[in-house]
Amino acid sequence: MVIYLRWPQKYFLILAAISRQAPSIELEIADYGSLREDLIVLFKVLDPIFEIIRPDDIRDVISNEGIK
């Protein structure tokens, strides 16, 4: 319960862990001419994050409407 005093919801804890543990990521993606190619490059850039946290946790962060 002590964890929830600092991070009131799970997704805040996950975001804090990602920001401390994830390697530096360059999010400036060039335009490769198609949405498909742009997304492929984006997900390759984000792959180190996907190695750190579980897909269910990512879903929780993305789908939570409490983020403002």
Protein backbone atom coordinates (compact mmCIF):
# COMPACT_ATOMS: atom_id res chain seq x y z
CA MET A 1 0.00 0.00 0.00
CA VAL A 2 2.90 2.40 0.60
CA ILE A 3 3.57 2.50 -3.14
CA TYR A 4 0.11 3.89 -3.76
CA LEU A 5 0.79 6.84 -1.44
CA ARG A 6 3.36 8.10 -3.94
CA TRP A 7 1.68 6.82 -7.10
CA PRO A 8 -2.09 6.86 -6.63
CA GLN A 9 -2.74 4.77 -9.74
CA LYS A 10 -0.90 1.93 -11.43
CA TYR A 11 -0.20 3.79 -14.67
CA PHE A 12 1.68 6.58 -12.83
CA LEU A 13 3.95 3.95 -11.28
CA ILE A 14 4.50 2.35 -14.70
CA LEU A 15 5.34 5.69 -16.33
CA ALA A 16 7.78 6.51 -13.52
CA ALA A 17 9.49 3.13 -13.91
CA ILE A 18 9.75 3.56 -17.67
CA SER A 19 11.23 7.03 -17.36
CA ARG A 20 13.90 5.78 -14.93
CA GLN A 21 14.75 2.43 -16.53
CA ALA A 22 14.19 2.81 -20.26
CA PRO A 23 17.09 3.71 -22.49
CA SER A 24 17.08 7.08 -24.17
CA ILE A 25 14.82 7.00 -27.21
CA GLU A 26 14.87 9.38 -30.15
CA LEU A 27 11.26 9.95 -31.16
CA GLU A 28 11.94 12.09 -34.20
CA ILE A 29 10.83 9.80 -37.01
CA ALA A 30 11.40 10.73 -40.65
CA ASP A 31 8.61 10.54 -43.19
CA TYR A 32 9.12 7.29 -45.10
CA GLY A 33 6.31 7.94 -47.54
CA SER A 34 3.67 5.60 -46.13
CA LEU A 35 1.92 5.17 -42.83
CA ARG A 36 2.94 1.51 -42.77
CA GLU A 37 6.67 2.27 -43.05
CA ASP A 38 6.40 5.13 -40.54
CA LEU A 39 4.76 2.81 -37.99
CA ILE A 40 7.32 0.05 -38.56
CA VAL A 41 10.15 2.49 -37.82
CA LEU A 42 8.30 3.92 -34.80
CA PHE A 43 7.78 0.49 -33.24
CA LYS A 44 11.43 -0.42 -33.85
CA VAL A 45 12.42 2.75 -31.98
CA LEU A 46 10.04 1.88 -29.12
CA ASP A 47 11.15 -1.76 -28.93
CA PRO A 48 13.45 -1.20 -25.91
CA ILE A 49 10.42 -0.06 -23.89
CA PHE A 50 8.46 -3.14 -24.97
CA GLU A 51 11.33 -5.25 -23.61
CA ILE A 52 10.97 -3.64 -20.16
CA ILE A 53 7.22 -3.64 -19.54
CA ARG A 54 4.48 -6.14 -20.28
CA PRO A 55 1.87 -5.56 -23.02
CA ASP A 56 -0.92 -5.58 -20.40
CA ASP A 57 0.76 -2.72 -18.55
CA ILE A 58 1.09 -0.73 -21.77
CA ARG A 59 -2.62 -1.30 -22.44
CA ASP A 60 -3.45 -0.06 -18.93
CA VAL A 61 -1.45 3.12 -19.48
CA ILE A 62 -2.90 3.82 -22.93
CA SER A 63 -6.51 3.01 -22.10
CA ASN A 64 -6.70 4.75 -18.74
CA GLU A 65 -8.84 7.84 -19.06
CA GLY A 66 -7.40 9.33 -15.88
CA ILE A 67 -4.32 10.72 -17.63
CA LYS A 68 -4.75 14.42 -18.18
